[in-house]
Amino acid sequence: MRALVLTLLVALGACATQLPQVVTRDGGVFDIRYDNRLQTTQEADLRADRHCGGPAAFETEQTGFDGLSYRTYRCRER
């Protein structure tokens, strides 16, 4: 039984989404979801810039019900 539980936990861990993660939204904005205990705002900013393929404009930040931080961005026009 323990081996089964351990196998399931390892499988779930392998499926976990890497943070910081892009969360798309309507209206031309997107969120970067990250754990502020493990990642910095600079890491979230870099992930946003990569998503845009250039500089992203930060708009707001909030903490979600899941305890993770969500920074909202908009891609800047080039």
PDB file of N, CA and C in Angstrom:
ATOM      1  N   MET A   1       0.820  -1.191   0.000  1.00  0.00           N
ATOM      2  CA  MET A   1       0.000   0.000   0.000  1.00  0.00           C
ATOM      3  C   MET A   1       0.870   1.264   0.000  1.00  0.00           C
ATOM      4  N   ARG A   2       1.912   1.259   0.819  1.00  0.00           N
ATOM      5  CA  ARG A   2       2.806   2.425   0.865  1.00  0.00           C
ATOM      6  C   ARG A   2       3.463   2.670  -0.485  1.00  0.00           C
ATOM      7  N   ALA A   3       3.847   1.594  -1.151  1.00  0.00           N
ATOM      8  CA  ALA A   3       4.487   1.728  -2.464  1.00  0.00           C
ATOM      9  C   ALA A   3       3.526   2.357  -3.465  1.00  0.00           C
ATOM     10  N   LEU A   4       2.261   1.987  -3.393  1.00  0.00           N
ATOM     11  CA  LEU A   4       1.255   2.559  -4.289  1.00  0.00           C
ATOM     12  C   LEU A   4       1.083   4.053  -4.028  1.00  0.00           C
ATOM     13  N   VAL A   5       0.992   4.424  -2.774  1.00  0.00           N
ATOM     14  CA  VAL A   5       0.844   5.839  -2.416  1.00  0.00           C
ATOM     15  C   VAL A   5       2.064   6.629  -2.871  1.00  0.00           C
ATOM     16  N   LEU A   6       3.244   6.105  -2.651  1.00  0.00           N
ATOM     17  CA  LEU A   6       4.469   6.780  -3.071  1.00  0.00           C
ATOM     18  C   LEU A   6       4.508   6.939  -4.588  1.00  0.00           C
ATOM     19  N   THR A   7       4.119   5.910  -5.303  1.00  0.00           N
ATOM     20  CA  THR A   7       4.088   5.976  -6.768  1.00  0.00           C
ATOM     21  C   THR A   7       3.112   7.044  -7.240  1.00  0.00           C
ATOM     22  N   LEU A   8       1.945   7.121  -6.623  1.00  0.00           N
ATOM     23  CA  LEU A   8       0.957   8.135  -6.991  1.00  0.00           C
ATOM     24  C   LEU A   8       1.462   9.544  -6.701  1.00  0.00           C
ATOM     25  N   LEU A   9       2.125   9.731  -5.584  1.00  0.00           N
ATOM     26  CA  LEU A   9       2.667  11.051  -5.249  1.00  0.00           C
ATOM     27  C   LEU A   9       3.744  11.478  -6.232  1.00  0.00           C
ATOM     28  N   VAL A  10       4.600  10.565  -6.622  1.00  0.00           N
ATOM     29  CA  VAL A  10       5.642  10.872  -7.608  1.00  0.00           C
ATOM     30  C   VAL A  10       5.006  11.228  -8.945  1.00  0.00           C
ATOM     31  N   ALA A  11       3.974  10.492  -9.340  1.00  0.00           N
ATOM     32  CA  ALA A  11       3.287  10.772 -10.607  1.00  0.00           C
ATOM     33  C   ALA A  11       2.623  12.144 -10.573  1.00  0.00           C
ATOM     34  N   LEU A  12       1.991  12.490  -9.476  1.00  0.00           N
ATOM     35  CA  LEU A  12       1.368  13.808  -9.351  1.00  0.00           C
ATOM     36  C   LEU A  12       2.407  14.916  -9.383  1.00  0.00           C
ATOM     37  N   GLY A  13       3.524  14.705  -8.747  1.00  0.00           N
ATOM     38  CA  GLY A  13       4.597  15.695  -8.760  1.00  0.00           C
ATOM     39  C   GLY A  13       5.138  15.932 -10.154  1.00  0.00           C
ATOM     40  N   ALA A  14       5.202  14.902 -10.953  1.00  0.00           N
ATOM     41  CA  ALA A  14       5.696  15.036 -12.323  1.00  0.00           C
ATOM     42  C   ALA A  14       4.729  15.835 -13.187  1.00  0.00           C
ATOM     43  N   CYS A  15       3.459  15.830 -12.830  1.00  0.00           N
ATOM     44  CA  CYS A  15       2.446  16.559 -13.601  1.00  0.00           C
ATOM     45  C   CYS A  15       2.301  18.007 -13.149  1.00  0.00           C
ATOM     46  N   ALA A  16       2.917  18.368 -12.068  1.00  0.00           N
ATOM     47  CA  ALA A  16       2.757  19.719 -11.524  1.00  0.00           C
ATOM     48  C   ALA A  16       3.257  20.764 -12.514  1.00  0.00           C
ATOM     49  N   THR A  17       2.532  21.860 -12.594  1.00  0.00           N
ATOM     50  CA  THR A  17       2.894  22.951 -13.493  1.00  0.00           C
ATOM     51  C   THR A  17       4.039  23.750 -12.899  1.00  0.00           C
ATOM     52  N   GLN A  18       4.996  24.087 -13.735  1.00  0.00           N
ATOM     53  CA  GLN A  18       6.129  24.894 -13.301  1.00  0.00           C
ATOM     54  C   GLN A  18       5.679  26.336 -13.073  1.00  0.00           C
ATOM     55  N   LEU A  19       6.126  26.923 -12.014  1.00  0.00           N
ATOM     56  CA  LEU A  19       5.857  28.332 -11.729  1.00  0.00           C
ATOM     57  C   LEU A  19       7.135  29.113 -11.959  1.00  0.00           C
ATOM     58  N   PRO A  20       7.076  30.340 -12.355  1.00  0.00           N
ATOM     59  CA  PRO A  20       5.888  31.127 -12.662  1.00  0.00           C
ATOM     60  C   PRO A  20       5.218  30.672 -13.953  1.00  0.00           C
ATOM     61  N   GLN A  21       3.886  30.799 -13.986  1.00  0.00           N
ATOM     62  CA  GLN A  21       3.076  30.293 -15.093  1.00  0.00           C
ATOM     63  C   GLN A  21       2.210  31.408 -15.671  1.00  0.00           C
ATOM     64  N   VAL A  22       2.029  31.385 -16.996  1.00  0.00           N
ATOM     65  CA  VAL A  22       1.159  32.348 -17.676  1.00  0.00           C
ATOM     66  C   VAL A  22      -0.284  31.862 -17.583  1.00  0.00           C
ATOM     67  N   VAL A  23      -1.178  32.765 -17.176  1.00  0.00           N
ATOM     68  CA  VAL A  23      -2.613  32.490 -17.136  1.00  0.00           C
ATOM     69  C   VAL A  23      -3.280  33.527 -18.031  1.00  0.00           C
ATOM     70  N   THR A  24      -3.785  33.099 -19.180  1.00  0.00           N
ATOM     71  CA  THR A  24      -4.372  34.047 -20.128  1.00  0.00           C
ATOM     72  C   THR A  24      -5.761  34.478 -19.666  1.00  0.00           C
ATOM     73  N   ARG A  25      -6.098  35.724 -20.007  1.00  0.00           N
ATOM     74  CA  ARG A  25      -7.394  36.307 -19.650  1.00  0.00           C
ATOM     75  C   ARG A  25      -7.939  37.057 -20.851  1.00  0.00           C
ATOM     76  N   ASP A  26      -9.175  37.474 -20.764  1.00  0.00           N
ATOM     77  CA  ASP A  26      -9.783  38.283 -21.817  1.00  0.00           C
ATOM     78  C   ASP A  26      -9.300  39.721 -21.722  1.00  0.00           C
ATOM     79  N   GLY A  27      -9.467  40.460 -22.798  1.00  0.00           N
ATOM     80  CA  GLY A  27      -9.167  41.887 -22.781  1.00  0.00           C
ATOM     81  C   GLY A  27      -7.716  42.232 -23.023  1.00  0.00           C
ATOM     82  N   GLY A  28      -6.942  41.293 -23.560  1.00  0.00           N
ATOM     83  CA  GLY A  28      -5.553  41.594 -23.886  1.00  0.00           C
ATOM     84  C   GLY A  28      -4.596  41.584 -22.711  1.00  0.00           C
ATOM     85  N   VAL A  29      -5.043  41.098 -21.564  1.00  0.00           N
ATOM     86  CA  VAL A  29      -4.165  41.013 -20.400  1.00  0.00           C
ATOM     87  C   VAL A  29      -3.931  39.546 -20.053  1.00  0.00           C
ATOM     88  N   PHE A  30      -2.913  39.314 -19.257  1.00  0.00           N
ATOM     89  CA  PHE A  30      -2.614  37.969 -18.773  1.00  0.00           C
ATOM     90  C   PHE A  30      -2.004  38.085 -17.395  1.00  0.00           C
ATOM     91  N   ASP A  31      -2.099  37.016 -16.638  1.00  0.00           N
ATOM     92  CA  ASP A  31      -1.518  36.956 -15.299  1.00  0.00           C
ATOM     93  C   ASP A  31      -0.297  36.055 -15.319  1.00  0.00           C
ATOM     94  N   ILE A  32       0.637  36.385 -14.458  1.00  0.00           N
ATOM     95  CA  ILE A  32       1.729  35.470 -14.143  1.00  0.00           C
ATOM     96  C   ILE A  32       1.459  34.979 -12.726  1.00  0.00           C
ATOM     97  N   ARG A  33       1.244  33.684 -12.603  1.00  0.00           N
ATOM     98  CA  ARG A  33       0.981  33.070 -11.300  1.00  0.00           C
ATOM     99  C   ARG A  33       2.299  32.556 -10.755  1.00  0.00           C
ATOM    100  N   TYR A  34       2.600  32.917  -9.503  1.00  0.00           N
ATOM    101  CA  TYR A  34       3.853  32.461  -8.899  1.00  0.00           C
ATOM    102  C   TYR A  34       3.705  32.377  -7.387  1.00  0.00           C
ATOM    103  N   ASP A  35       4.595  31.639  -6.775  1.00  0.00           N
ATOM    104  CA  ASP A  35       4.629  31.487  -5.320  1.00  0.00           C
ATOM    105  C   ASP A  35       5.647  32.482  -4.789  1.00  0.00           C
ATOM    106  N   ASN A  36       5.165  33.526  -4.116  1.00  0.00           N
ATOM    107  CA  ASN A  36       6.085  34.574  -3.666  1.00  0.00           C
ATOM    108  C   ASN A  36       7.005  34.126  -2.533  1.00  0.00           C
ATOM    109  N   ARG A  37       6.818  32.911  -2.045  1.00  0.00           N
ATOM    110  CA  ARG A  37       7.763  32.374  -1.064  1.00  0.00           C
ATOM    111  C   ARG A  37       8.960  31.738  -1.756  1.00  0.00           C
ATOM    112  N   LEU A  38       8.775  31.377  -3.054  1.00  0.00           N
ATOM    113  CA  LEU A  38       9.825  30.678  -3.792  1.00  0.00           C
ATOM    114  C   LEU A  38      10.373  31.463  -4.971  1.00  0.00           C
ATOM    115  N   GLN A  39       9.564  32.368  -5.533  1.00  0.00           N
ATOM    116  CA  GLN A  39       9.988  33.162  -6.683  1.00  0.00           C
ATOM    117  C   GLN A  39       9.881  34.645  -6.348  1.00  0.00           C
ATOM    118  N   THR A  40      10.628  35.436  -7.092  1.00  0.00           N
ATOM    119  CA  THR A  40      10.617  36.887  -6.897  1.00  0.00           C
ATOM    120  C   THR A  40       9.735  37.554  -7.947  1.00  0.00           C
ATOM    121  N   THR A  41       9.410  38.817  -7.695  1.00  0.00           N
ATOM    122  CA  THR A  41       8.651  39.572  -8.695  1.00  0.00           C
ATOM    123  C   THR A  41       9.471  39.742  -9.967  1.00  0.00           C
ATOM    124  N   GLN A  42      10.794  39.796  -9.846  1.00  0.00           N
ATOM    125  CA  GLN A  42      11.648  39.911 -11.029  1.00  0.00           C
ATOM    126  C   GLN A  42      11.514  38.670 -11.915  1.00  0.00           C
ATOM    127  N   GLU A  43      11.400  37.490 -11.303  1.00  0.00           N
ATOM    128  CA  GLU A  43      11.203  36.267 -12.083  1.00  0.00           C
ATOM    129  C   GLU A  43       9.857  36.298 -12.806  1.00  0.00           C
ATOM    130  N   ALA A  44       8.839  36.809 -12.133  1.00  0.00           N
ATOM    131  CA  ALA A  44       7.525  36.943 -12.774  1.00  0.00           C
ATOM    132  C   ALA A  44       7.599  37.935 -13.930  1.00  0.00           C
ATOM    133  N   ASP A  45       8.304  39.048 -13.722  1.00  0.00           N
ATOM    134  CA  ASP A  45       8.459  40.050 -14.786  1.00  0.00           C
ATOM    135  C   ASP A  45       9.174  39.460 -16.004  1.00  0.00           C
ATOM    136  N   LEU A  46      10.223  38.686 -15.769  1.00  0.00           N
ATOM    137  CA  LEU A  46      10.951  38.060 -16.877  1.00  0.00           C
ATOM    138  C   LEU A  46      10.072  37.069 -17.635  1.00  0.00           C
ATOM    139  N   ARG A  47       9.252  36.320 -16.907  1.00  0.00           N
ATOM    140  CA  ARG A  47       8.336  35.371 -17.562  1.00  0.00           C
ATOM    141  C   ARG A  47       7.316  36.128 -18.408  1.00  0.00           C
ATOM    142  N   ALA A  48       6.845  37.267 -17.925  1.00  0.00           N
ATOM    143  CA  ALA A  48       5.898  38.087 -18.686  1.00  0.00           C
ATOM    144  C   ALA A  48       6.558  38.622 -19.952  1.00  0.00           C
ATOM    145  N   ASP A  49       7.795  39.093 -19.840  1.00  0.00           N
ATOM    146  CA  ASP A  49       8.518  39.595 -21.014  1.00  0.00           C
ATOM    147  C   ASP A  49       8.705  38.493 -22.055  1.00  0.00           C
ATOM    148  N   ARG A  50       9.027  37.284 -21.605  1.00  0.00           N
ATOM    149  CA  ARG A  50       9.185  36.156 -22.538  1.00  0.00           C
ATOM    150  C   ARG A  50       7.866  35.835 -23.227  1.00  0.00           C
ATOM    151  N   HIS A  51       6.783  35.898 -22.473  1.00  0.00           N
ATOM    152  CA  HIS A  51       5.465  35.625 -23.046  1.00  0.00           C
ATOM    153  C   HIS A  51       5.137  36.630 -24.149  1.00  0.00           C
ATOM    154  N   CYS A  52       5.503  37.889 -23.938  1.00  0.00           N
ATOM    155  CA  CYS A  52       5.205  38.946 -24.910  1.00  0.00           C
ATOM    156  C   CYS A  52       6.205  38.979 -26.060  1.00  0.00           C
ATOM    157  N   GLY A  53       7.362  38.389 -25.871  1.00  0.00           N
ATOM    158  CA  GLY A  53       8.409  38.513 -26.882  1.00  0.00           C
ATOM    159  C   GLY A  53       9.013  39.902 -26.876  1.00  0.00           C
ATOM    160  N   GLY A  54       8.909  40.567 -25.776  1.00  0.00           N
ATOM    161  CA  GLY A  54       9.396  41.938 -25.580  1.00  0.00           C
ATOM    162  C   GLY A  54       8.895  42.419 -24.232  1.00  0.00           C
ATOM    163  N   PRO A  55       8.990  43.716 -23.988  1.00  0.00           N
ATOM    164  CA  PRO A  55       8.603  44.226 -22.673  1.00  0.00           C
ATOM    165  C   PRO A  55       7.103  44.115 -22.400  1.00  0.00           C
ATOM    166  N   ALA A  56       6.777  43.704 -21.189  1.00  0.00           N
ATOM    167  CA  ALA A  56       5.389  43.631 -20.729  1.00  0.00           C
ATOM    168  C   ALA A  56       5.144  44.769 -19.742  1.00  0.00           C
ATOM    169  N   ALA A  57       3.943  45.313 -19.764  1.00  0.00           N
ATOM    170  CA  ALA A  57       3.568  46.394 -18.847  1.00  0.00           C
ATOM    171  C   ALA A  57       2.818  45.796 -17.657  1.00  0.00           C
ATOM    172  N   PHE A  58       3.373  45.986 -16.465  1.00  0.00           N
ATOM    173  CA  PHE A  58       2.739  45.514 -15.234  1.00  0.00           C
ATOM    174  C   PHE A  58       1.527  46.387 -14.932  1.00  0.00           C
ATOM    175  N   GLU A  59       0.424  45.753 -14.489  1.00  0.00           N
ATOM    176  CA  GLU A  59      -0.780  46.504 -14.146  1.00  0.00           C
ATOM    177  C   GLU A  59      -1.160  46.374 -12.678  1.00  0.00           C
ATOM    178  N   THR A  60      -1.375  45.156 -12.184  1.00  0.00           N
ATOM    179  CA  THR A  60      -1.786  44.966 -10.790  1.00  0.00           C
ATOM    180  C   THR A  60      -1.220  43.657 -10.249  1.00  0.00           C
ATOM    181  N   GLU A  61      -1.338  43.499  -8.929  1.00  0.00           N
ATOM    182  CA  GLU A  61      -0.964  42.236  -8.285  1.00  0.00           C
ATOM    183  C   GLU A  61      -1.983  41.927  -7.213  1.00  0.00           C
ATOM    184  N   GLN A  62      -2.304  40.644  -7.074  1.00  0.00           N
ATOM    185  CA  GLN A  62      -3.210  40.209  -6.018  1.00  0.00           C
ATOM    186  C   GLN A  62      -2.846  38.794  -5.599  1.00  0.00           C
ATOM    187  N   THR A  63      -3.342  38.391  -4.438  1.00  0.00           N
ATOM    188  CA  THR A  63      -3.149  37.028  -3.964  1.00  0.00           C
ATOM    189  C   THR A  63      -4.428  36.255  -4.229  1.00  0.00           C
ATOM    190  N   GLY A  64      -4.299  35.090  -4.836  1.00  0.00           N
ATOM    191  CA  GLY A  64      -5.459  34.269  -5.164  1.00  0.00           C
ATOM    192  C   GLY A  64      -5.898  33.408  -3.997  1.00  0.00           C
ATOM    193  N   PHE A  65      -7.063  32.780  -4.154  1.00  0.00           N
ATOM    194  CA  PHE A  65      -7.592  31.896  -3.116  1.00  0.00           C
ATOM    195  C   PHE A  65      -6.672  30.708  -2.865  1.00  0.00           C
ATOM    196  N   ASP A  66      -5.806  30.414  -3.840  1.00  0.00           N
ATOM    197  CA  ASP A  66      -4.874  29.295  -3.718  1.00  0.00           C
ATOM    198  C   ASP A  66      -3.596  29.671  -2.974  1.00  0.00           C
ATOM    199  N   GLY A  67      -3.507  30.935  -2.533  1.00  0.00           N
ATOM    200  CA  GLY A  67      -2.329  31.396  -1.806  1.00  0.00           C
ATOM    201  C   GLY A  67      -1.193  31.843  -2.699  1.00  0.00           C
ATOM    202  N   LEU A  68      -1.362  31.739  -4.010  1.00  0.00           N
ATOM    203  CA  LEU A  68      -0.329  32.166  -4.951  1.00  0.00           C
ATOM    204  C   LEU A  68      -0.555  33.621  -5.344  1.00  0.00           C
ATOM    205  N   SER A  69       0.503  34.268  -5.771  1.00  0.00           N
ATOM    206  CA  SER A  69       0.416  35.653  -6.230  1.00  0.00           C
ATOM    207  C   SER A  69       0.130  35.674  -7.722  1.00  0.00           C
ATOM    208  N   TYR A  70      -0.657  36.650  -8.136  1.00  0.00           N
ATOM    209  CA  TYR A  70      -1.009  36.844  -9.544  1.00  0.00           C
ATOM    210  C   TYR A  70      -0.659  38.274  -9.921  1.00  0.00           C
ATOM    211  N   ARG A  71       0.280  38.426 -10.853  1.00  0.00           N
ATOM    212  CA  ARG A  71       0.641  39.743 -11.375  1.00  0.00           C
ATOM    213  C   ARG A  71       0.033  39.870 -12.765  1.00  0.00           C
ATOM    214  N   THR A  72      -0.735  40.934 -12.979  1.00  0.00           N
ATOM    215  CA  THR A  72      -1.410  41.152 -14.259  1.00  0.00           C
ATOM    216  C   THR A  72      -0.562  42.057 -15.134  1.00  0.00           C
ATOM    217  N   TYR A  73      -0.433  41.664 -16.401  1.00  0.00           N
ATOM    218  CA  TYR A  73       0.383  42.390 -17.376  1.00  0.00           C
ATOM    219  C   TYR A  73      -0.395  42.572 -18.670  1.00  0.00           C
ATOM    220  N   ARG A  74       0.137  43.457 -19.494  1.00  0.00           N
ATOM    221  CA  ARG A  74      -0.332  43.656 -20.863  1.00  0.00           C
ATOM    222  C   ARG A  74       0.923  43.789 -21.721  1.00  0.00           C
ATOM    223  N   CYS A  75       0.925  43.150 -22.884  1.00  0.00           N
ATOM    224  CA  CYS A  75       2.070  43.288 -23.784  1.00  0.00           C
ATOM    225  C   CYS A  75       2.081  44.705 -24.350  1.00  0.00           C
ATOM    226  N   ARG A  76       3.249  45.323 -24.349  1.00  0.00           N
ATOM    227  CA  ARG A  76       3.386  46.661 -24.926  1.00  0.00           C
ATOM    228  C   ARG A  76       3.452  46.554 -26.433  1.00  0.00           C
ATOM    229  N   GLU A  77       2.853  47.528 -27.097  1.00  0.00           N
ATOM    230  CA  GLU A  77       2.926  47.559 -28.560  1.00  0.00           C
ATOM    231  C   GLU A  77       4.320  47.975 -28.966  1.00  0.00           C
ATOM    232  N   ARG A  78       4.767  47.388 -30.079  1.00  0.00           N
ATOM    233  CA  ARG A  78       6.113  47.733 -30.550  1.00  0.00           C
ATOM    234  C   ARG A  78       6.037  48.640 -31.735  1.00  0.00           C
TER     235      ARG A  78
END
